[in-house]
Amino acid sequence: MNKRNRKKTPAEKAEKKRLQQKYMTIFVNGKQKRVKREPTVDGIPVDEFIRMNADPIWLMQNEMYEELHEWESNAS
């Protein structure tokens, strides 16, 4: 007879959900690896969110000159 799996406690379920949000599973050379997920804002990567919402003053204060140049190129 096989041993039956027990049900997970609410704390174990919460921990599993937290880890799924923090890490993602990828395949490297046919093996599964757990890596951290990229940070996101409302489901959008942080870099993309900054490109969409930043103004020139904020970009200048945070020394993001490449983004500032790109922003000015698109504004013209």
PDB file of N, CA and C in Angstrom:
ATOM      1  N   MET A   1       0.825  -1.171   0.000  1.00  0.00           N
ATOM      2  CA  MET A   1       0.000   0.000   0.000  1.00  0.00           C
ATOM      3  C   MET A   1       0.878   1.246   0.000  1.00  0.00           C
ATOM      4  N   ASN A   2       0.431   2.229  -0.742  1.00  0.00           N
ATOM      5  CA  ASN A   2       1.155   3.488  -0.780  1.00  0.00           C
ATOM      6  C   ASN A   2       0.728   4.382   0.377  1.00  0.00           C
ATOM      7  N   LYS A   3       1.665   5.203   0.811  1.00  0.00           N
ATOM      8  CA  LYS A   3       1.376   6.154   1.883  1.00  0.00           C
ATOM      9  C   LYS A   3       0.611   7.338   1.298  1.00  0.00           C
ATOM     10  N   ARG A   4      -0.458   7.751   1.944  1.00  0.00           N
ATOM     11  CA  ARG A   4      -1.248   8.873   1.440  1.00  0.00           C
ATOM     12  C   ARG A   4      -0.580  10.192   1.795  1.00  0.00           C
ATOM     13  N   ASN A   5      -0.701  11.156   0.874  1.00  0.00           N
ATOM     14  CA  ASN A   5      -0.179  12.495   1.146  1.00  0.00           C
ATOM     15  C   ASN A   5      -1.119  13.219   2.096  1.00  0.00           C
ATOM     16  N   ARG A   6      -0.542  13.940   3.023  1.00  0.00           N
ATOM     17  CA  ARG A   6      -1.377  14.702   3.948  1.00  0.00           C
ATOM     18  C   ARG A   6      -1.707  16.062   3.344  1.00  0.00           C
ATOM     19  N   LYS A   7      -2.755  16.680   3.833  1.00  0.00           N
ATOM     20  CA  LYS A   7      -3.119  18.009   3.370  1.00  0.00           C
ATOM     21  C   LYS A   7      -2.159  19.030   3.963  1.00  0.00           C
ATOM     22  N   LYS A   8      -1.888  20.084   3.189  1.00  0.00           N
ATOM     23  CA  LYS A   8      -1.005  21.133   3.665  1.00  0.00           C
ATOM     24  C   LYS A   8      -1.760  22.057   4.610  1.00  0.00           C
ATOM     25  N   THR A   9      -1.062  22.527   5.631  1.00  0.00           N
ATOM     26  CA  THR A   9      -1.663  23.459   6.570  1.00  0.00           C
ATOM     27  C   THR A   9      -1.773  24.838   5.909  1.00  0.00           C
ATOM     28  N   PRO A  10      -2.601  25.715   6.416  1.00  0.00           N
ATOM     29  CA  PRO A  10      -2.697  27.066   5.849  1.00  0.00           C
ATOM     30  C   PRO A  10      -1.358  27.806   5.829  1.00  0.00           C
ATOM     31  N   ALA A  11      -0.525  27.588   6.840  1.00  0.00           N
ATOM     32  CA  ALA A  11       0.790  28.236   6.877  1.00  0.00           C
ATOM     33  C   ALA A  11       1.680  27.711   5.746  1.00  0.00           C
ATOM     34  N   GLU A  12       1.626  26.418   5.486  1.00  0.00           N
ATOM     35  CA  GLU A  12       2.419  25.831   4.401  1.00  0.00           C
ATOM     36  C   GLU A  12       1.930  26.320   3.049  1.00  0.00           C
ATOM     37  N   LYS A  13       0.618  26.452   2.880  1.00  0.00           N
ATOM     38  CA  LYS A  13       0.060  26.973   1.629  1.00  0.00           C
ATOM     39  C   LYS A  13       0.485  28.417   1.411  1.00  0.00           C
ATOM     40  N   ALA A  14       0.454  29.216   2.475  1.00  0.00           N
ATOM     41  CA  ALA A  14       0.858  30.621   2.367  1.00  0.00           C
ATOM     42  C   ALA A  14       2.332  30.733   2.005  1.00  0.00           C
ATOM     43  N   GLU A  15       3.156  29.893   2.597  1.00  0.00           N
ATOM     44  CA  GLU A  15       4.599  29.904   2.294  1.00  0.00           C
ATOM     45  C   GLU A  15       4.855  29.506   0.841  1.00  0.00           C
ATOM     46  N   LYS A  16       4.118  28.506   0.355  1.00  0.00           N
ATOM     47  CA  LYS A  16       4.269  28.084  -1.038  1.00  0.00           C
ATOM     48  C   LYS A  16       3.879  29.207  -1.992  1.00  0.00           C
ATOM     49  N   LYS A  17       2.778  29.899  -1.689  1.00  0.00           N
ATOM     50  CA  LYS A  17       2.329  31.006  -2.534  1.00  0.00           C
ATOM     51  C   LYS A  17       3.344  32.145  -2.534  1.00  0.00           C
ATOM     52  N   ARG A  18       3.913  32.445  -1.353  1.00  0.00           N
ATOM     53  CA  ARG A  18       4.916  33.503  -1.242  1.00  0.00           C
ATOM     54  C   ARG A  18       6.161  33.174  -2.059  1.00  0.00           C
ATOM     55  N   LEU A  19       6.593  31.920  -1.997  1.00  0.00           N
ATOM     56  CA  LEU A  19       7.769  31.504  -2.760  1.00  0.00           C
ATOM     57  C   LEU A  19       7.501  31.522  -4.263  1.00  0.00           C
ATOM     58  N   GLN A  20       6.272  31.178  -4.682  1.00  0.00           N
ATOM     59  CA  GLN A  20       5.940  31.214  -6.105  1.00  0.00           C
ATOM     60  C   GLN A  20       5.951  32.639  -6.631  1.00  0.00           C
ATOM     61  N   GLN A  21       5.570  33.597  -5.793  1.00  0.00           N
ATOM     62  CA  GLN A  21       5.597  34.990  -6.211  1.00  0.00           C
ATOM     63  C   GLN A  21       7.023  35.530  -6.242  1.00  0.00           C
ATOM     64  N   LYS A  22       7.894  35.017  -5.386  1.00  0.00           N
ATOM     65  CA  LYS A  22       9.265  35.519  -5.280  1.00  0.00           C
ATOM     66  C   LYS A  22      10.195  34.866  -6.310  1.00  0.00           C
ATOM     67  N   TYR A  23       9.986  33.598  -6.607  1.00  0.00           N
ATOM     68  CA  TYR A  23      10.873  32.848  -7.500  1.00  0.00           C
ATOM     69  C   TYR A  23      10.109  32.305  -8.697  1.00  0.00           C
ATOM     70  N   MET A  24      10.843  31.999  -9.772  1.00  0.00           N
ATOM     71  CA  MET A  24      10.257  31.304 -10.910  1.00  0.00           C
ATOM     72  C   MET A  24      11.186  30.158 -11.285  1.00  0.00           C
ATOM     73  N   THR A  25      10.635  29.152 -11.914  1.00  0.00           N
ATOM     74  CA  THR A  25      11.393  27.969 -12.285  1.00  0.00           C
ATOM     75  C   THR A  25      11.742  28.046 -13.762  1.00  0.00           C
ATOM     76  N   ILE A  26      13.024  27.864 -14.067  1.00  0.00           N
ATOM     77  CA  ILE A  26      13.480  27.835 -15.459  1.00  0.00           C
ATOM     78  C   ILE A  26      14.246  26.539 -15.677  1.00  0.00           C
ATOM     79  N   PHE A  27      14.464  26.209 -16.940  1.00  0.00           N
ATOM     80  CA  PHE A  27      15.234  25.020 -17.269  1.00  0.00           C
ATOM     81  C   PHE A  27      16.605  25.430 -17.783  1.00  0.00           C
ATOM     82  N   VAL A  28      17.660  24.830 -17.205  1.00  0.00           N
ATOM     83  CA  VAL A  28      19.029  25.060 -17.641  1.00  0.00           C
ATOM     84  C   VAL A  28      19.656  23.686 -17.860  1.00  0.00           C
ATOM     85  N   ASN A  29      20.051  23.409 -19.082  1.00  0.00           N
ATOM     86  CA  ASN A  29      20.644  22.115 -19.432  1.00  0.00           C
ATOM     87  C   ASN A  29      19.739  20.950 -19.031  1.00  0.00           C
ATOM     88  N   GLY A  30      18.449  21.115 -19.212  1.00  0.00           N
ATOM     89  CA  GLY A  30      17.498  20.044 -18.930  1.00  0.00           C
ATOM     90  C   GLY A  30      17.171  19.868 -17.461  1.00  0.00           C
ATOM     91  N   LYS A  31      17.644  20.761 -16.606  1.00  0.00           N
ATOM     92  CA  LYS A  31      17.359  20.667 -15.179  1.00  0.00           C
ATOM     93  C   LYS A  31      16.604  21.904 -14.731  1.00  0.00           C
ATOM     94  N   GLN A  32      15.738  21.717 -13.756  1.00  0.00           N
ATOM     95  CA  GLN A  32      14.989  22.852 -13.231  1.00  0.00           C
ATOM     96  C   GLN A  32      15.844  23.644 -12.256  1.00  0.00           C
ATOM     97  N   LYS A  33      15.788  24.953 -12.390  1.00  0.00           N
ATOM     98  CA  LYS A  33      16.481  25.850 -11.472  1.00  0.00           C
ATOM     99  C   LYS A  33      15.492  26.895 -10.990  1.00  0.00           C
ATOM    100  N   ARG A  34      15.599  27.276  -9.750  1.00  0.00           N
ATOM    101  CA  ARG A  34      14.743  28.318  -9.191  1.00  0.00           C
ATOM    102  C   ARG A  34      15.545  29.610  -9.162  1.00  0.00           C
ATOM    103  N   VAL A  35      15.012  30.642  -9.802  1.00  0.00           N
ATOM    104  CA  VAL A  35      15.675  31.940  -9.836  1.00  0.00           C
ATOM    105  C   VAL A  35      14.684  33.005  -9.369  1.00  0.00           C
ATOM    106  N   LYS A  36      15.222  34.111  -8.864  1.00  0.00           N
ATOM    107  CA  LYS A  36      14.355  35.197  -8.405  1.00  0.00           C
ATOM    108  C   LYS A  36      13.683  35.852  -9.591  1.00  0.00           C
ATOM    109  N   ARG A  37      12.451  36.269  -9.406  1.00  0.00           N
ATOM    110  CA  ARG A  37      11.728  36.999 -10.439  1.00  0.00           C
ATOM    111  C   ARG A  37      12.233  38.436 -10.496  1.00  0.00           C
ATOM    112  N   GLU A  38      12.109  39.043 -11.686  1.00  0.00           N
ATOM    113  CA  GLU A  38      12.466  40.443 -11.820  1.00  0.00           C
ATOM    114  C   GLU A  38      11.417  41.284 -11.096  1.00  0.00           C
ATOM    115  N   PRO A  39      11.836  42.378 -10.455  1.00  0.00           N
ATOM    116  CA  PRO A  39      10.852  43.226  -9.789  1.00  0.00           C
ATOM    117  C   PRO A  39       9.896  43.872 -10.792  1.00  0.00           C
ATOM    118  N   THR A  40       8.634  43.990 -10.406  1.00  0.00           N
ATOM    119  CA  THR A  40       7.636  44.564 -11.293  1.00  0.00           C
ATOM    120  C   THR A  40       6.792  45.597 -10.554  1.00  0.00           C
ATOM    121  N   VAL A  41       6.188  46.491 -11.323  1.00  0.00           N
ATOM    122  CA  VAL A  41       5.236  47.464 -10.802  1.00  0.00           C
ATOM    123  C   VAL A  41       3.964  47.274 -11.609  1.00  0.00           C
ATOM    124  N   ASP A  42       2.910  46.853 -10.965  1.00  0.00           N
ATOM    125  CA  ASP A  42       1.638  46.566 -11.630  1.00  0.00           C
ATOM    126  C   ASP A  42       1.815  45.579 -12.778  1.00  0.00           C
ATOM    127  N   GLY A  43       2.697  44.609 -12.623  1.00  0.00           N
ATOM    128  CA  GLY A  43       2.907  43.584 -13.645  1.00  0.00           C
ATOM    129  C   GLY A  43       3.820  44.015 -14.782  1.00  0.00           C
ATOM    130  N   ILE A  44       4.358  45.234 -14.731  1.00  0.00           N
ATOM    131  CA  ILE A  44       5.247  45.741 -15.772  1.00  0.00           C
ATOM    132  C   ILE A  44       6.660  45.779 -15.182  1.00  0.00           C
ATOM    133  N   PRO A  45       7.679  45.344 -15.937  1.00  0.00           N
ATOM    134  CA  PRO A  45       9.045  45.450 -15.410  1.00  0.00           C
ATOM    135  C   PRO A  45       9.366  46.897 -15.009  1.00  0.00           C
ATOM    136  N   VAL A  46      10.191  47.050 -13.979  1.00  0.00           N
ATOM    137  CA  VAL A  46      10.486  48.366 -13.416  1.00  0.00           C
ATOM    138  C   VAL A  46      11.069  49.311 -14.463  1.00  0.00           C
ATOM    139  N   ASP A  47      12.000  48.831 -15.290  1.00  0.00           N
ATOM    140  CA  ASP A  47      12.621  49.684 -16.304  1.00  0.00           C
ATOM    141  C   ASP A  47      11.586  50.230 -17.286  1.00  0.00           C
ATOM    142  N   GLU A  48      10.669  49.373 -17.714  1.00  0.00           N
ATOM    143  CA  GLU A  48       9.627  49.799 -18.648  1.00  0.00           C
ATOM    144  C   GLU A  48       8.687  50.805 -17.986  1.00  0.00           C
ATOM    145  N   PHE A  49       8.357  50.577 -16.720  1.00  0.00           N
ATOM    146  CA  PHE A  49       7.489  51.495 -15.982  1.00  0.00           C
ATOM    147  C   PHE A  49       8.134  52.881 -15.882  1.00  0.00           C
ATOM    148  N   ILE A  50       9.429  52.909 -15.614  1.00  0.00           N
ATOM    149  CA  ILE A  50      10.144  54.190 -15.527  1.00  0.00           C
ATOM    150  C   ILE A  50      10.127  54.889 -16.878  1.00  0.00           C
ATOM    151  N   ARG A  51      10.379  54.155 -17.949  1.00  0.00           N
ATOM    152  CA  ARG A  51      10.371  54.762 -19.287  1.00  0.00           C
ATOM    153  C   ARG A  51       9.021  55.398 -19.595  1.00  0.00           C
ATOM    154  N   MET A  52       7.943  54.757 -19.178  1.00  0.00           N
ATOM    155  CA  MET A  52       6.604  55.240 -19.503  1.00  0.00           C
ATOM    156  C   MET A  52       6.185  56.427 -18.636  1.00  0.00           C
ATOM    157  N   ASN A  53       6.636  56.486 -17.371  1.00  0.00           N
ATOM    158  CA  ASN A  53       6.082  57.442 -16.421  1.00  0.00           C
ATOM    159  C   ASN A  53       7.027  58.535 -15.924  1.00  0.00           C
ATOM    160  N   ALA A  54       8.314  58.434 -16.198  1.00  0.00           N
ATOM    161  CA  ALA A  54       9.259  59.399 -15.639  1.00  0.00           C
ATOM    162  C   ALA A  54       9.233  60.716 -16.414  1.00  0.00           C
ATOM    163  N   ASP A  55       9.460  61.802 -15.688  1.00  0.00           N
ATOM    164  CA  ASP A  55       9.591  63.096 -16.335  1.00  0.00           C
ATOM    165  C   ASP A  55      11.081  63.480 -16.363  1.00  0.00           C
ATOM    166  N   PRO A  56      11.452  64.486 -17.151  1.00  0.00           N
ATOM    167  CA  PRO A  56      12.872  64.830 -17.295  1.00  0.00           C
ATOM    168  C   PRO A  56      13.556  65.198 -15.979  1.00  0.00           C
ATOM    169  N   ILE A  57      12.850  65.860 -15.084  1.00  0.00           N
ATOM    170  CA  ILE A  57      13.471  66.261 -13.820  1.00  0.00           C
ATOM    171  C   ILE A  57      13.840  65.030 -12.993  1.00  0.00           C
ATOM    172  N   TRP A  58      12.927  64.060 -12.919  1.00  0.00           N
ATOM    173  CA  TRP A  58      13.193  62.842 -12.155  1.00  0.00           C
ATOM    174  C   TRP A  58      14.357  62.071 -12.771  1.00  0.00           C
ATOM    175  N   LEU A  59      14.376  61.978 -14.098  1.00  0.00           N
ATOM    176  CA  LEU A  59      15.471  61.273 -14.767  1.00  0.00           C
ATOM    177  C   LEU A  59      16.808  61.952 -14.476  1.00  0.00           C
ATOM    178  N   MET A  60      16.826  63.277 -14.466  1.00  0.00           N
ATOM    179  CA  MET A  60      18.049  64.017 -14.200  1.00  0.00           C
ATOM    180  C   MET A  60      18.506  63.811 -12.757  1.00  0.00           C
ATOM    181  N   GLN A  61      17.571  63.855 -11.804  1.00  0.00           N
ATOM    182  CA  GLN A  61      17.909  63.681 -10.392  1.00  0.00           C
ATOM    183  C   GLN A  61      18.470  62.298 -10.107  1.00  0.00           C
ATOM    184  N   ASN A  62      18.019  61.305 -10.863  1.00  0.00           N
ATOM    185  CA  ASN A  62      18.455  59.931 -10.639  1.00  0.00           C
ATOM    186  C   ASN A  62      19.545  59.498 -11.611  1.00  0.00           C
ATOM    187  N   GLU A  63      20.125  60.475 -12.316  1.00  0.00           N
ATOM    188  CA  GLU A  63      21.266  60.254 -13.208  1.00  0.00           C
ATOM    189  C   GLU A  63      20.996  59.190 -14.265  1.00  0.00           C
ATOM    190  N   MET A  64      19.807  59.227 -14.842  1.00  0.00           N
ATOM    191  CA  MET A  64      19.443  58.294 -15.902  1.00  0.00           C
ATOM    192  C   MET A  64      19.519  59.041 -17.227  1.00  0.00           C
ATOM    193  N   TYR A  65      20.734  59.399 -17.612  1.00  0.00           N
ATOM    194  CA  TYR A  65      20.949  60.269 -18.763  1.00  0.00           C
ATOM    195  C   TYR A  65      20.581  59.594 -20.081  1.00  0.00           C
ATOM    196  N   GLU A  66      20.794  58.282 -20.190  1.00  0.00           N
ATOM    197  CA  GLU A  66      20.438  57.576 -21.419  1.00  0.00           C
ATOM    198  C   GLU A  66      18.933  57.645 -21.651  1.00  0.00           C
ATOM    199  N   GLU A  67      18.169  57.438 -20.575  1.00  0.00           N
ATOM    200  CA  GLU A  67      16.715  57.504 -20.680  1.00  0.00           C
ATOM    201  C   GLU A  67      16.267  58.932 -20.989  1.00  0.00           C
ATOM    202  N   LEU A  68      16.962  59.907 -20.405  1.00  0.00           N
ATOM    203  CA  LEU A  68      16.629  61.308 -20.651  1.00  0.00           C
ATOM    204  C   LEU A  68      16.851  61.653 -22.116  1.00  0.00           C
ATOM    205  N   HIS A  69      17.970  61.196 -22.672  1.00  0.00           N
ATOM    206  CA  HIS A  69      18.252  61.445 -24.086  1.00  0.00           C
ATOM    207  C   HIS A  69      17.182  60.783 -24.976  1.00  0.00           C
ATOM    208  N   GLU A  70      16.792  59.568 -24.618  1.00  0.00           N
ATOM    209  CA  GLU A  70      15.754  58.864 -25.387  1.00  0.00           C
ATOM    210  C   GLU A  70      14.415  59.608 -25.279  1.00  0.00           C
ATOM    211  N   TRP A  71      14.102  60.104 -24.068  1.00  0.00           N
ATOM    212  CA  TRP A  71      12.857  60.840 -23.852  1.00  0.00           C
ATOM    213  C   TRP A  71      12.832  62.111 -24.687  1.00  0.00           C
ATOM    214  N   GLU A  72      13.962  62.835 -24.726  1.00  0.00           N
ATOM    215  CA  GLU A  72      14.038  64.064 -25.505  1.00  0.00           C
ATOM    216  C   GLU A  72      13.958  63.791 -27.003  1.00  0.00           C
ATOM    217  N   SER A  73      14.520  62.665 -27.448  1.00  0.00           N
ATOM    218  CA  SER A  73      14.470  62.293 -28.869  1.00  0.00           C
ATOM    219  C   SER A  73      13.037  62.018 -29.294  1.00  0.00           C
ATOM    220  N   ASN A  74      12.276  61.342 -28.453  1.00  0.00           N
ATOM    221  CA  ASN A  74      10.894  61.022 -28.773  1.00  0.00           C
ATOM    222  C   ASN A  74       9.987  62.242 -28.690  1.00  0.00           C
ATOM    223  N   ALA A  75      10.323  63.209 -27.837  1.00  0.00           N
ATOM    224  CA  ALA A  75       9.505  64.411 -27.671  1.00  0.00           C
ATOM    225  C   ALA A  75       9.617  65.319 -28.879  1.00  0.00           C
ATOM    226  N   SER A  76      10.736  65.286 -29.567  1.00  0.00           N
ATOM    227  CA  SER A  76      10.947  66.191 -30.711  1.00  0.00           C
ATOM    228  C   SER A  76      10.219  65.742 -31.941  1.00  0.00           C
TER     229      SER A  76
END
